[in-house]
Amino acid sequence: MFERHKVTLLAALAAIFVVSRFSGDIGPYYYQIILFIGINIILAVSLNLVNGYTGQFSLGHAGFMSVGAYAAATFTNYASVHWLGMLKPLGSFVSVSLLFGIALGLGGLAAGLAGVLVGIPSLRLKGDYLAIVTLGFGEIIKVVIENVDALGGARGLSVYAVYTNLFWVYAAATVTIYVVLNIVHSTYGRGFVMVRDDEIAAEAMGINTTKYKVLAFSLAAFFAGIAGGLYAHLTQYINPEGFNFLKSVDIVTMVILGGMGSTWGVVFAAVILTILPEWLRWLSERPFLPHWLAPLLENRMIPYSLLLILLMLLRPQGLFGRISFKRKHA
């Protein structure tokens, strides 16, 4: 079974590489939206490991994304000036790929370390208390970055090169989905589910619930850091305000909409909620709309809020909550 999954992963990566060769035919606007969809898939699937499978409630995922973004951007800004010339004998493609791969890895590790540092003291808390702590962490990270001049401070940080492309984004998204699915269907995954369903009973059975929560938290932070590195090298500019509380709410909304504990549901929600603001912006410019309706559609938080209210009333478990996508075996 695991071997079959590895073959599927390699086939998916090969297909993404082939498709990326033809991405030049896509218009810049649509190409950027496609890349943002992939980045949001990484963020939503990784947060689902904490909020969905482990039953915790984190509101600081954008903080981990910012750690990865700044770590990766700082590395490539330095390496592009001092090291890229030394790697020229390897060829432009290999040297850039090597630097960017290292940058994403460093971004992921920095965010993962931040996840451990935050997780160990705070994940002994539960429910609303944990949400408040993670929210506070996200704000602390933002304030620290705003006051560190080496990171650009409040004015933001310019990224020298655009390294993010379709292959990097969707290869990272595919690996994120692969890792999360394999973990949740392993022994550790059963531990996550037990912590979610009844933490007291899990502790009574000898399960170290703090260990499982920290593991889920740090792994989710690692992938959020990779998403941050991809985001930084796509936009070429990052600012602390781009990783504020509302960004965390966006990611949480994707998890809730897709269904907590449903990886493929969360993927679907990430696609829909990335396209929705662009579609609303297009719709607000249509001449047949009433004059008073256009500003409401341009402000994405209003449709988001209405969507969440309707979802909580009609389907509180999310669109794909309690729906299984497991294969049937002969």
C-alpha atoms as a PDB file:
ATOM      1  CA  MET A   1       0.000   0.000   0.000  1.00  0.00           C
ATOM      2  CA  PHE A   2       2.756   2.459   0.938  1.00  0.00           C
ATOM      3  CA  GLU A   3       4.717   1.542  -2.181  1.00  0.00           C
ATOM      4  CA  ARG A   4       1.651   2.302  -4.287  1.00  0.00           C
ATOM      5  CA  HIS A   5       1.417   5.719  -2.663  1.00  0.00           C
ATOM      6  CA  LYS A   6       5.087   6.381  -3.449  1.00  0.00           C
ATOM      7  CA  VAL A   7       4.508   5.522  -7.094  1.00  0.00           C
ATOM      8  CA  THR A   8       1.486   7.833  -7.145  1.00  0.00           C
ATOM      9  CA  LEU A   9       3.572  10.623  -5.616  1.00  0.00           C
ATOM     10  CA  LEU A  10       6.345  10.226  -8.201  1.00  0.00           C
ATOM     11  CA  ALA A  11       3.803  10.093 -11.030  1.00  0.00           C
ATOM     12  CA  ALA A  12       2.120  13.263  -9.737  1.00  0.00           C
ATOM     13  CA  LEU A  13       5.454  15.095  -9.500  1.00  0.00           C
ATOM     14  CA  ALA A  14       6.364  14.017 -13.032  1.00  0.00           C
ATOM     15  CA  ALA A  15       2.985  15.215 -14.326  1.00  0.00           C
ATOM     16  CA  ILE A  16       3.416  18.573 -12.541  1.00  0.00           C
ATOM     17  CA  PHE A  17       6.864  18.973 -14.113  1.00  0.00           C
ATOM     18  CA  VAL A  18       5.495  18.313 -17.603  1.00  0.00           C
ATOM     19  CA  VAL A  19       2.574  20.716 -17.124  1.00  0.00           C
ATOM     20  CA  SER A  20       4.911  23.403 -15.765  1.00  0.00           C
ATOM     21  CA  ARG A  21       6.863  23.304 -19.042  1.00  0.00           C
ATOM     22  CA  PHE A  22       3.781  24.696 -20.798  1.00  0.00           C
ATOM     23  CA  SER A  23       2.834  27.251 -18.128  1.00  0.00           C
ATOM     24  CA  GLY A  24       4.220  30.084 -20.244  1.00  0.00           C
ATOM     25  CA  ASP A  25       1.033  30.003 -22.301  1.00  0.00           C
ATOM     26  CA  ILE A  26      -1.063  31.019 -19.266  1.00  0.00           C
ATOM     27  CA  GLY A  27      -1.849  34.700 -18.830  1.00  0.00           C
ATOM     28  CA  PRO A  28      -0.005  36.425 -15.927  1.00  0.00           C
ATOM     29  CA  TYR A  29      -3.219  37.140 -13.995  1.00  0.00           C
ATOM     30  CA  TYR A  30      -4.521  33.568 -14.168  1.00  0.00           C
ATOM     31  CA  TYR A  31      -1.037  32.159 -13.581  1.00  0.00           C
ATOM     32  CA  GLN A  32      -0.729  34.098 -10.317  1.00  0.00           C
ATOM     33  CA  ILE A  33      -4.147  32.901  -9.149  1.00  0.00           C
ATOM     34  CA  ILE A  34      -3.154  29.293  -9.900  1.00  0.00           C
ATOM     35  CA  LEU A  35      -0.007  29.728  -7.805  1.00  0.00           C
ATOM     36  CA  PHE A  36      -1.947  31.296  -4.918  1.00  0.00           C
ATOM     37  CA  ILE A  37      -4.318  28.306  -5.017  1.00  0.00           C
ATOM     38  CA  GLY A  38      -1.370  25.941  -4.551  1.00  0.00           C
ATOM     39  CA  ILE A  39       0.076  27.998  -1.688  1.00  0.00           C
ATOM     40  CA  ASN A  40      -3.299  28.092   0.061  1.00  0.00           C
ATOM     41  CA  ILE A  41      -3.639  24.324  -0.344  1.00  0.00           C
ATOM     42  CA  ILE A  42      -0.353  23.877   1.554  1.00  0.00           C
ATOM     43  CA  LEU A  43      -1.510  26.230   4.308  1.00  0.00           C
ATOM     44  CA  ALA A  44      -4.969  24.710   4.667  1.00  0.00           C
ATOM     45  CA  VAL A  45      -3.873  21.048   4.553  1.00  0.00           C
ATOM     46  CA  SER A  46      -1.134  21.668   7.134  1.00  0.00           C
ATOM     47  CA  LEU A  47      -3.482  23.557   9.495  1.00  0.00           C
ATOM     48  CA  ASN A  48      -6.039  20.765   9.123  1.00  0.00           C
ATOM     49  CA  LEU A  49      -3.516  18.456  10.789  1.00  0.00           C
ATOM     50  CA  VAL A  50      -3.815  20.586  13.947  1.00  0.00           C
ATOM     51  CA  ASN A  51      -7.389  21.857  13.856  1.00  0.00           C
ATOM     52  CA  GLY A  52      -8.998  18.892  12.127  1.00  0.00           C
ATOM     53  CA  TYR A  53      -7.153  15.693  12.978  1.00  0.00           C
ATOM     54  CA  THR A  54      -5.767  16.638  16.416  1.00  0.00           C
ATOM     55  CA  GLY A  55      -8.751  18.688  17.551  1.00  0.00           C
ATOM     56  CA  GLN A  56      -6.813  21.771  18.643  1.00  0.00           C
ATOM     57  CA  PHE A  57      -7.614  25.322  17.536  1.00  0.00           C
ATOM     58  CA  SER A  58      -4.752  27.423  16.223  1.00  0.00           C
ATOM     59  CA  LEU A  59      -5.171  31.038  15.130  1.00  0.00           C
ATOM     60  CA  GLY A  60      -1.481  31.697  14.516  1.00  0.00           C
ATOM     61  CA  HIS A  61      -0.780  29.849  11.271  1.00  0.00           C
ATOM     62  CA  ALA A  62       0.008  33.087   9.436  1.00  0.00           C
ATOM     63  CA  GLY A  63       2.715  33.715  12.045  1.00  0.00           C
ATOM     64  CA  PHE A  64       4.517  30.510  11.055  1.00  0.00           C
ATOM     65  CA  MET A  65       4.052  31.448   7.403  1.00  0.00           C
ATOM     66  CA  SER A  66       5.763  34.783   8.083  1.00  0.00           C
ATOM     67  CA  VAL A  67       8.717  33.079   9.797  1.00  0.00           C
ATOM     68  CA  GLY A  68       9.240  30.880   6.739  1.00  0.00           C
ATOM     69  CA  ALA A  69       8.772  33.793   4.329  1.00  0.00           C
ATOM     70  CA  TYR A  70      11.333  36.026   6.025  1.00  0.00           C
ATOM     71  CA  ALA A  71      13.838  33.210   6.590  1.00  0.00           C
ATOM     72  CA  ALA A  72      13.692  32.057   2.956  1.00  0.00           C
ATOM     73  CA  ALA A  73      13.742  35.604   1.545  1.00  0.00           C
ATOM     74  CA  THR A  74      16.686  36.664   3.721  1.00  0.00           C
ATOM     75  CA  PHE A  75      18.661  33.616   2.628  1.00  0.00           C
ATOM     76  CA  THR A  76      18.045  34.064  -1.110  1.00  0.00           C
ATOM     77  CA  ASN A  77      18.720  37.822  -0.930  1.00  0.00           C
ATOM     78  CA  TYR A  78      22.130  37.062   0.559  1.00  0.00           C
ATOM     79  CA  ALA A  79      22.879  33.991  -1.549  1.00  0.00           C
ATOM     80  CA  SER A  80      21.842  35.641  -4.833  1.00  0.00           C
ATOM     81  CA  VAL A  81      24.502  38.290  -4.302  1.00  0.00           C
ATOM     82  CA  HIS A  82      27.317  36.239  -2.759  1.00  0.00           C
ATOM     83  CA  TRP A  83      26.864  32.614  -3.844  1.00  0.00           C
ATOM     84  CA  LEU A  84      24.964  32.471  -7.119  1.00  0.00           C
ATOM     85  CA  GLY A  85      28.039  33.420  -9.145  1.00  0.00           C
ATOM     86  CA  MET A  86      30.041  30.597  -7.554  1.00  0.00           C
ATOM     87  CA  LEU A  87      27.402  28.083  -8.660  1.00  0.00           C
ATOM     88  CA  LYS A  88      27.335  29.221 -12.311  1.00  0.00           C
ATOM     89  CA  PRO A  89      29.427  26.239 -13.515  1.00  0.00           C
ATOM     90  CA  LEU A  90      26.498  24.007 -12.499  1.00  0.00           C
ATOM     91  CA  GLY A  91      24.218  25.829 -14.914  1.00  0.00           C
ATOM     92  CA  SER A  92      21.548  28.435 -14.289  1.00  0.00           C
ATOM     93  CA  PHE A  93      18.705  25.952 -13.745  1.00  0.00           C
ATOM     94  CA  VAL A  94      20.624  23.763 -11.277  1.00  0.00           C
ATOM     95  CA  SER A  95      22.120  26.664  -9.313  1.00  0.00           C
ATOM     96  CA  VAL A  96      18.796  28.497  -8.932  1.00  0.00           C
ATOM     97  CA  SER A  97      16.959  25.273  -8.057  1.00  0.00           C
ATOM     98  CA  LEU A  98      19.604  24.409  -5.459  1.00  0.00           C
ATOM     99  CA  LEU A  99      19.464  27.830  -3.806  1.00  0.00           C
ATOM    100  CA  PHE A 100      15.675  27.953  -3.802  1.00  0.00           C
ATOM    101  CA  GLY A 101      15.371  24.403  -2.479  1.00  0.00           C
ATOM    102  CA  ILE A 102      17.718  25.245   0.391  1.00  0.00           C
ATOM    103  CA  ALA A 103      15.794  28.477   1.053  1.00  0.00           C
ATOM    104  CA  LEU A 104      12.462  26.654   1.274  1.00  0.00           C
ATOM    105  CA  GLY A 105      14.008  24.048   3.547  1.00  0.00           C
ATOM    106  CA  LEU A 106      15.411  26.735   5.837  1.00  0.00           C
ATOM    107  CA  GLY A 107      12.067  28.525   5.863  1.00  0.00           C
ATOM    108  CA  GLY A 108      10.293  25.315   6.797  1.00  0.00           C
ATOM    109  CA  LEU A 109      12.813  24.460   9.514  1.00  0.00           C
ATOM    110  CA  ALA A 110      12.668  27.962  11.013  1.00  0.00           C
ATOM    111  CA  ALA A 111       8.881  27.834  11.136  1.00  0.00           C
ATOM    112  CA  GLY A 112       8.956  24.272  12.501  1.00  0.00           C
ATOM    113  CA  LEU A 113      11.332  25.355  15.263  1.00  0.00           C
ATOM    114  CA  ALA A 114       9.001  28.233  16.079  1.00  0.00           C
ATOM    115  CA  GLY A 115       6.169  25.692  16.222  1.00  0.00           C
ATOM    116  CA  VAL A 116       8.072  23.611  18.747  1.00  0.00           C
ATOM    117  CA  LEU A 117       8.970  26.654  20.866  1.00  0.00           C
ATOM    118  CA  VAL A 118       5.363  27.785  20.925  1.00  0.00           C
ATOM    119  CA  GLY A 119       3.885  24.309  21.148  1.00  0.00           C
ATOM    120  CA  ILE A 120       5.744  22.895  24.142  1.00  0.00           C
ATOM    121  CA  PRO A 121       4.528  25.482  26.687  1.00  0.00           C
ATOM    122  CA  SER A 122       1.145  26.293  25.120  1.00  0.00           C
ATOM    123  CA  LEU A 123      -0.265  22.945  23.981  1.00  0.00           C
ATOM    124  CA  ARG A 124      -0.948  21.917  27.549  1.00  0.00           C
ATOM    125  CA  LEU A 125      -3.812  24.369  27.191  1.00  0.00           C
ATOM    126  CA  LYS A 126      -7.095  23.466  25.554  1.00  0.00           C
ATOM    127  CA  GLY A 127      -9.850  25.053  23.514  1.00  0.00           C
ATOM    128  CA  ASP A 128     -10.235  28.815  23.690  1.00  0.00           C
ATOM    129  CA  TYR A 129      -7.083  29.239  25.785  1.00  0.00           C
ATOM    130  CA  LEU A 130      -4.938  27.634  23.083  1.00  0.00           C
ATOM    131  CA  ALA A 131      -6.573  29.786  20.390  1.00  0.00           C
ATOM    132  CA  ILE A 132      -5.739  32.942  22.383  1.00  0.00           C
ATOM    133  CA  VAL A 133      -2.103  31.863  22.874  1.00  0.00           C
ATOM    134  CA  THR A 134      -1.587  31.090  19.169  1.00  0.00           C
ATOM    135  CA  LEU A 135      -3.249  34.370  18.236  1.00  0.00           C
ATOM    136  CA  GLY A 136      -0.884  36.171  20.589  1.00  0.00           C
ATOM    137  CA  PHE A 137       2.092  34.385  19.046  1.00  0.00           C
ATOM    138  CA  GLY A 138       1.122  35.563  15.584  1.00  0.00           C
ATOM    139  CA  GLU A 139       0.904  39.151  16.781  1.00  0.00           C
ATOM    140  CA  ILE A 140       4.241  38.888  18.639  1.00  0.00           C
ATOM    141  CA  ILE A 141       5.974  37.676  15.478  1.00  0.00           C
ATOM    142  CA  LYS A 142       4.472  40.577  13.519  1.00  0.00           C
ATOM    143  CA  VAL A 143       5.623  43.143  16.082  1.00  0.00           C
ATOM    144  CA  VAL A 144       9.135  41.637  16.270  1.00  0.00           C
ATOM    145  CA  ILE A 145       9.538  41.784  12.477  1.00  0.00           C
ATOM    146  CA  GLU A 146       8.282  45.381  12.423  1.00  0.00           C
ATOM    147  CA  ASN A 147      11.086  46.336  14.831  1.00  0.00           C
ATOM    148  CA  VAL A 148      13.985  44.437  13.211  1.00  0.00           C
ATOM    149  CA  ASP A 149      15.582  46.732  10.652  1.00  0.00           C
ATOM    150  CA  ALA A 150      17.559  43.875   9.060  1.00  0.00           C
ATOM    151  CA  LEU A 151      14.221  42.345   8.021  1.00  0.00           C
ATOM    152  CA  GLY A 152      12.945  45.591   6.577  1.00  0.00           C
ATOM    153  CA  GLY A 153      10.927  46.566   9.640  1.00  0.00           C
ATOM    154  CA  ALA A 154       7.472  48.010   9.094  1.00  0.00           C
ATOM    155  CA  ARG A 155       8.375  49.103   5.545  1.00  0.00           C
ATOM    156  CA  GLY A 156       8.662  45.477   4.433  1.00  0.00           C
ATOM    157  CA  LEU A 157      11.339  43.410   2.722  1.00  0.00           C
ATOM    158  CA  SER A 158      12.007  43.300  -1.013  1.00  0.00           C
ATOM    159  CA  VAL A 159      12.892  39.903  -2.493  1.00  0.00           C
ATOM    160  CA  TYR A 160      15.453  40.103  -5.273  1.00  0.00           C
ATOM    161  CA  ALA A 161      14.280  37.243  -7.475  1.00  0.00           C
ATOM    162  CA  VAL A 162      11.110  35.458  -8.548  1.00  0.00           C
ATOM    163  CA  TYR A 163      11.924  31.787  -8.034  1.00  0.00           C
ATOM    164  CA  THR A 164       8.413  30.503  -7.356  1.00  0.00           C
ATOM    165  CA  ASN A 165       6.795  28.780 -10.324  1.00  0.00           C
ATOM    166  CA  LEU A 166       4.074  26.244 -10.983  1.00  0.00           C
ATOM    167  CA  PHE A 167       6.348  23.239 -10.434  1.00  0.00           C
ATOM    168  CA  TRP A 168       7.665  24.383  -7.046  1.00  0.00           C
ATOM    169  CA  VAL A 169       4.223  25.319  -5.726  1.00  0.00           C
ATOM    170  CA  TYR A 170       2.352  22.196  -6.779  1.00  0.00           C
ATOM    171  CA  ALA A 171       5.240  19.866  -6.002  1.00  0.00           C
ATOM    172  CA  ALA A 172       5.226  21.273  -2.450  1.00  0.00           C
ATOM    173  CA  ALA A 173       1.424  20.994  -2.284  1.00  0.00           C
ATOM    174  CA  THR A 174       1.552  17.368  -3.478  1.00  0.00           C
ATOM    175  CA  VAL A 175       4.235  16.449  -0.941  1.00  0.00           C
ATOM    176  CA  THR A 176       2.246  18.178   1.832  1.00  0.00           C
ATOM    177  CA  ILE A 177      -0.894  16.183   0.995  1.00  0.00           C
ATOM    178  CA  TYR A 178       1.155  12.958   0.706  1.00  0.00           C
ATOM    179  CA  VAL A 179       2.868  13.437   4.082  1.00  0.00           C
ATOM    180  CA  VAL A 180      -0.318  14.430   5.913  1.00  0.00           C
ATOM    181  CA  LEU A 181      -2.349  11.536   4.490  1.00  0.00           C
ATOM    182  CA  ASN A 182       0.358   9.007   5.338  1.00  0.00           C
ATOM    183  CA  ILE A 183       0.736  10.352   8.870  1.00  0.00           C
ATOM    184  CA  VAL A 184      -2.983  10.387   9.663  1.00  0.00           C
ATOM    185  CA  HIS A 185      -3.342   6.800   8.420  1.00  0.00           C
ATOM    186  CA  SER A 186      -0.377   5.624  10.498  1.00  0.00           C
ATOM    187  CA  THR A 187      -0.031   4.812  14.198  1.00  0.00           C
ATOM    188  CA  TYR A 188       0.626   8.483  14.885  1.00  0.00           C
ATOM    189  CA  GLY A 189      -2.567   9.342  13.053  1.00  0.00           C
ATOM    190  CA  ARG A 190      -4.560   7.129  15.417  1.00  0.00           C
ATOM    191  CA  GLY A 191      -2.920   8.998  18.292  1.00  0.00           C
ATOM    192  CA  PHE A 192      -3.994  12.337  16.773  1.00  0.00           C
ATOM    193  CA  VAL A 193      -7.584  11.136  16.437  1.00  0.00           C
ATOM    194  CA  MET A 194      -7.635   9.817  20.013  1.00  0.00           C
ATOM    195  CA  VAL A 195      -6.405  13.185  21.287  1.00  0.00           C
ATOM    196  CA  ARG A 196      -9.173  14.868  19.289  1.00  0.00           C
ATOM    197  CA  ASP A 197     -11.975  12.526  20.337  1.00  0.00           C
ATOM    198  CA  ASP A 198     -11.234  12.243  24.056  1.00  0.00           C
ATOM    199  CA  GLU A 199      -8.004  13.643  25.454  1.00  0.00           C
ATOM    200  CA  ILE A 200      -8.689  12.416  29.011  1.00  0.00           C
ATOM    201  CA  ALA A 201      -9.326   8.857  27.832  1.00  0.00           C
ATOM    202  CA  ALA A 202      -6.173   8.986  25.684  1.00  0.00           C
ATOM    203  CA  GLU A 203      -4.090  10.040  28.690  1.00  0.00           C
ATOM    204  CA  ALA A 204      -5.670   7.281  30.764  1.00  0.00           C
ATOM    205  CA  MET A 205      -4.500   4.764  28.144  1.00  0.00           C
ATOM    206  CA  GLY A 206      -0.923   6.012  28.503  1.00  0.00           C
ATOM    207  CA  ILE A 207      -0.779   8.255  25.410  1.00  0.00           C
ATOM    208  CA  ASN A 208       1.416  11.329  25.794  1.00  0.00           C
ATOM    209  CA  THR A 209      -1.087  13.824  24.420  1.00  0.00           C
ATOM    210  CA  THR A 210       1.335  16.758  24.634  1.00  0.00           C
ATOM    211  CA  LYS A 211       3.821  14.860  22.446  1.00  0.00           C
ATOM    212  CA  TYR A 212       1.204  14.260  19.748  1.00  0.00           C
ATOM    213  CA  LYS A 213      -0.015  17.841  19.848  1.00  0.00           C
ATOM    214  CA  VAL A 214       3.510  19.283  19.609  1.00  0.00           C
ATOM    215  CA  LEU A 215       4.292  16.911  16.715  1.00  0.00           C
ATOM    216  CA  ALA A 216       1.189  18.006  14.803  1.00  0.00           C
ATOM    217  CA  PHE A 217       1.841  21.653  15.620  1.00  0.00           C
ATOM    218  CA  SER A 218       5.494  21.632  14.526  1.00  0.00           C
ATOM    219  CA  LEU A 219       4.804  19.657  11.327  1.00  0.00           C
ATOM    220  CA  ALA A 220       1.987  22.038  10.372  1.00  0.00           C
ATOM    221  CA  ALA A 221       4.296  24.994  11.083  1.00  0.00           C
ATOM    222  CA  PHE A 222       7.013  23.432   8.879  1.00  0.00           C
ATOM    223  CA  PHE A 223       4.730  23.289   5.856  1.00  0.00           C
ATOM    224  CA  ALA A 224       3.384  26.779   6.614  1.00  0.00           C
ATOM    225  CA  GLY A 225       6.993  27.996   6.496  1.00  0.00           C
ATOM    226  CA  ILE A 226       7.469  26.419   3.072  1.00  0.00           C
ATOM    227  CA  ALA A 227       4.265  28.114   1.890  1.00  0.00           C
ATOM    228  CA  GLY A 228       5.662  31.400   3.221  1.00  0.00           C
ATOM    229  CA  GLY A 229       8.887  30.944   1.260  1.00  0.00           C
ATOM    230  CA  LEU A 230       6.915  30.279  -1.923  1.00  0.00           C
ATOM    231  CA  TYR A 231       4.738  33.331  -1.279  1.00  0.00           C
ATOM    232  CA  ALA A 232       7.741  35.608  -0.711  1.00  0.00           C
ATOM    233  CA  HIS A 233       9.413  34.557  -3.956  1.00  0.00           C
ATOM    234  CA  LEU A 234       6.194  35.012  -5.886  1.00  0.00           C
ATOM    235  CA  THR A 235       5.215  38.501  -4.726  1.00  0.00           C
ATOM    236  CA  GLN A 236       8.838  39.787  -4.435  1.00  0.00           C
ATOM    237  CA  TYR A 237       7.757  41.835  -1.429  1.00  0.00           C
ATOM    238  CA  ILE A 238       6.657  40.846   2.054  1.00  0.00           C
ATOM    239  CA  ASN A 239       5.292  43.021   4.831  1.00  0.00           C
ATOM    240  CA  PRO A 240       4.320  42.120   8.413  1.00  0.00           C
ATOM    241  CA  GLU A 241       0.752  43.254   7.716  1.00  0.00           C
ATOM    242  CA  GLY A 242       0.477  40.551   5.063  1.00  0.00           C
ATOM    243  CA  PHE A 243       0.631  37.908   7.832  1.00  0.00           C
ATOM    244  CA  ASN A 244      -1.819  39.422  10.278  1.00  0.00           C
ATOM    245  CA  PHE A 245      -4.809  37.944  12.114  1.00  0.00           C
ATOM    246  CA  LEU A 246      -7.036  38.118   9.017  1.00  0.00           C
ATOM    247  CA  LYS A 247      -4.635  35.879   7.083  1.00  0.00           C
ATOM    248  CA  SER A 248      -4.910  33.258   9.824  1.00  0.00           C
ATOM    249  CA  VAL A 249      -8.697  33.581   9.701  1.00  0.00           C
ATOM    250  CA  ASP A 250      -8.599  32.969   5.935  1.00  0.00           C
ATOM    251  CA  ILE A 251      -6.768  29.674   6.482  1.00  0.00           C
ATOM    252  CA  VAL A 252      -9.054  28.612   9.328  1.00  0.00           C
ATOM    253  CA  THR A 253     -12.058  29.377   7.097  1.00  0.00           C
ATOM    254  CA  MET A 254     -10.712  26.988   4.451  1.00  0.00           C
ATOM    255  CA  VAL A 255     -10.413  24.229   7.042  1.00  0.00           C
ATOM    256  CA  ILE A 256     -13.902  24.818   8.416  1.00  0.00           C
ATOM    257  CA  LEU A 257     -15.485  25.075   4.978  1.00  0.00           C
ATOM    258  CA  GLY A 258     -13.838  21.911   3.679  1.00  0.00           C
ATOM    259  CA  GLY A 259     -14.581  19.949   6.839  1.00  0.00           C
ATOM    260  CA  MET A 260     -12.224  19.434   9.766  1.00  0.00           C
ATOM    261  CA  GLY A 261     -10.407  16.146   9.353  1.00  0.00           C
ATOM    262  CA  SER A 262     -11.091  15.904   5.607  1.00  0.00           C
ATOM    263  CA  THR A 263      -7.890  16.490   3.642  1.00  0.00           C
ATOM    264  CA  TRP A 264      -9.518  16.476   0.213  1.00  0.00           C
ATOM    265  CA  GLY A 265     -12.375  18.640   1.471  1.00  0.00           C
ATOM    266  CA  VAL A 266      -9.860  21.212   2.696  1.00  0.00           C
ATOM    267  CA  VAL A 267      -8.100  21.128  -0.692  1.00  0.00           C
ATOM    268  CA  PHE A 268     -11.426  21.835  -2.397  1.00  0.00           C
ATOM    269  CA  ALA A 269     -12.173  24.693   0.014  1.00  0.00           C
ATOM    270  CA  ALA A 270      -8.727  26.233  -0.581  1.00  0.00           C
ATOM    271  CA  VAL A 271      -9.421  26.291  -4.319  1.00  0.00           C
ATOM    272  CA  ILE A 272     -12.902  27.798  -3.906  1.00  0.00           C
ATOM    273  CA  LEU A 273     -11.913  30.459  -1.375  1.00  0.00           C
ATOM    274  CA  THR A 274      -8.918  31.554  -3.459  1.00  0.00           C
ATOM    275  CA  ILE A 275     -11.036  31.974  -6.587  1.00  0.00           C
ATOM    276  CA  LEU A 276     -14.031  33.501  -4.774  1.00  0.00           C
ATOM    277  CA  PRO A 277     -12.533  36.988  -4.090  1.00  0.00           C
ATOM    278  CA  GLU A 278     -11.406  37.277  -7.711  1.00  0.00           C
ATOM    279  CA  TRP A 279     -14.835  36.226  -8.963  1.00  0.00           C
ATOM    280  CA  LEU A 280     -16.546  38.687  -6.622  1.00  0.00           C
ATOM    281  CA  ARG A 281     -14.239  41.452  -7.833  1.00  0.00           C
ATOM    282  CA  TRP A 282     -15.170  40.604 -11.442  1.00  0.00           C
ATOM    283  CA  LEU A 283     -18.859  40.467 -10.529  1.00  0.00           C
ATOM    284  CA  SER A 284     -18.721  43.854  -8.769  1.00  0.00           C
ATOM    285  CA  GLU A 285     -17.627  45.474 -12.043  1.00  0.00           C
ATOM    286  CA  ARG A 286     -20.641  44.206 -14.006  1.00  0.00           C
ATOM    287  CA  PRO A 287     -22.927  47.058 -15.169  1.00  0.00           C
ATOM    288  CA  PHE A 288     -26.145  45.167 -14.396  1.00  0.00           C
ATOM    289  CA  LEU A 289     -25.489  45.152 -10.614  1.00  0.00           C
ATOM    290  CA  PRO A 290     -27.208  47.720  -8.351  1.00  0.00           C
ATOM    291  CA  HIS A 291     -24.893  50.562  -7.368  1.00  0.00           C
ATOM    292  CA  TRP A 292     -25.060  49.733  -3.648  1.00  0.00           C
ATOM    293  CA  LEU A 293     -24.151  46.054  -4.126  1.00  0.00           C
ATOM    294  CA  ALA A 294     -20.746  46.512  -5.794  1.00  0.00           C
ATOM    295  CA  PRO A 295     -18.877  47.742  -2.640  1.00  0.00           C
ATOM    296  CA  LEU A 296     -20.264  44.793  -0.653  1.00  0.00           C
ATOM    297  CA  LEU A 297     -18.919  42.319  -3.204  1.00  0.00           C
ATOM    298  CA  GLU A 298     -15.512  44.012  -3.329  1.00  0.00           C
ATOM    299  CA  ASN A 299     -15.110  43.546   0.439  1.00  0.00           C
ATOM    300  CA  ARG A 300     -14.452  39.813   0.632  1.00  0.00           C
ATOM    301  CA  MET A 301     -14.975  39.643   4.411  1.00  0.00           C
ATOM    302  CA  ILE A 302     -18.721  40.232   4.008  1.00  0.00           C
ATOM    303  CA  PRO A 303     -19.296  37.243   1.655  1.00  0.00           C
ATOM    304  CA  TYR A 304     -16.905  35.180   3.837  1.00  0.00           C
ATOM    305  CA  SER A 305     -18.945  35.975   6.935  1.00  0.00           C
ATOM    306  CA  LEU A 306     -22.241  35.144   5.223  1.00  0.00           C
ATOM    307  CA  LEU A 307     -20.749  31.923   3.894  1.00  0.00           C
ATOM    308  CA  LEU A 308     -19.632  30.844   7.366  1.00  0.00           C
ATOM    309  CA  ILE A 309     -23.008  31.707   8.908  1.00  0.00           C
ATOM    310  CA  LEU A 310     -24.847  29.651   6.283  1.00  0.00           C
ATOM    311  CA  LEU A 311     -22.373  26.792   6.681  1.00  0.00           C
ATOM    312  CA  MET A 312     -22.758  26.696  10.465  1.00  0.00           C
ATOM    313  CA  LEU A 313     -26.544  26.686  10.123  1.00  0.00           C
ATOM    314  CA  LEU A 314     -26.898  24.188   7.276  1.00  0.00           C
ATOM    315  CA  ARG A 315     -23.811  21.966   7.549  1.00  0.00           C
ATOM    316  CA  PRO A 316     -21.745  22.599  10.693  1.00  0.00           C
ATOM    317  CA  GLN A 317     -19.396  19.678   9.943  1.00  0.00           C
ATOM    318  CA  GLY A 318     -18.207  21.377   6.720  1.00  0.00           C
ATOM    319  CA  LEU A 319     -18.811  20.507   3.084  1.00  0.00           C
ATOM    320  CA  PHE A 320     -16.904  17.225   3.231  1.00  0.00           C
ATOM    321  CA  GLY A 321     -17.050  16.497   6.956  1.00  0.00           C
ATOM    322  CA  ARG A 322     -17.755  12.838   7.780  1.00  0.00           C
ATOM    323  CA  ILE A 323     -17.273  11.863   4.117  1.00  0.00           C
ATOM    324  CA  SER A 324     -14.612   9.201   3.610  1.00  0.00           C
ATOM    325  CA  PHE A 325     -12.402   9.070   0.535  1.00  0.00           C
ATOM    326  CA  LYS A 326     -10.641   5.827   1.516  1.00  0.00           C
ATOM    327  CA  ARG A 327     -10.047   3.195  -1.142  1.00  0.00           C
ATOM    328  CA  LYS A 328     -11.815  -0.085  -0.980  1.00  0.00           C
ATOM    329  CA  HIS A 329      -9.537  -3.077  -0.934  1.00  0.00           C
ATOM    330  CA  ALA A 330     -10.298  -6.444  -2.393  1.00  0.00           C
END
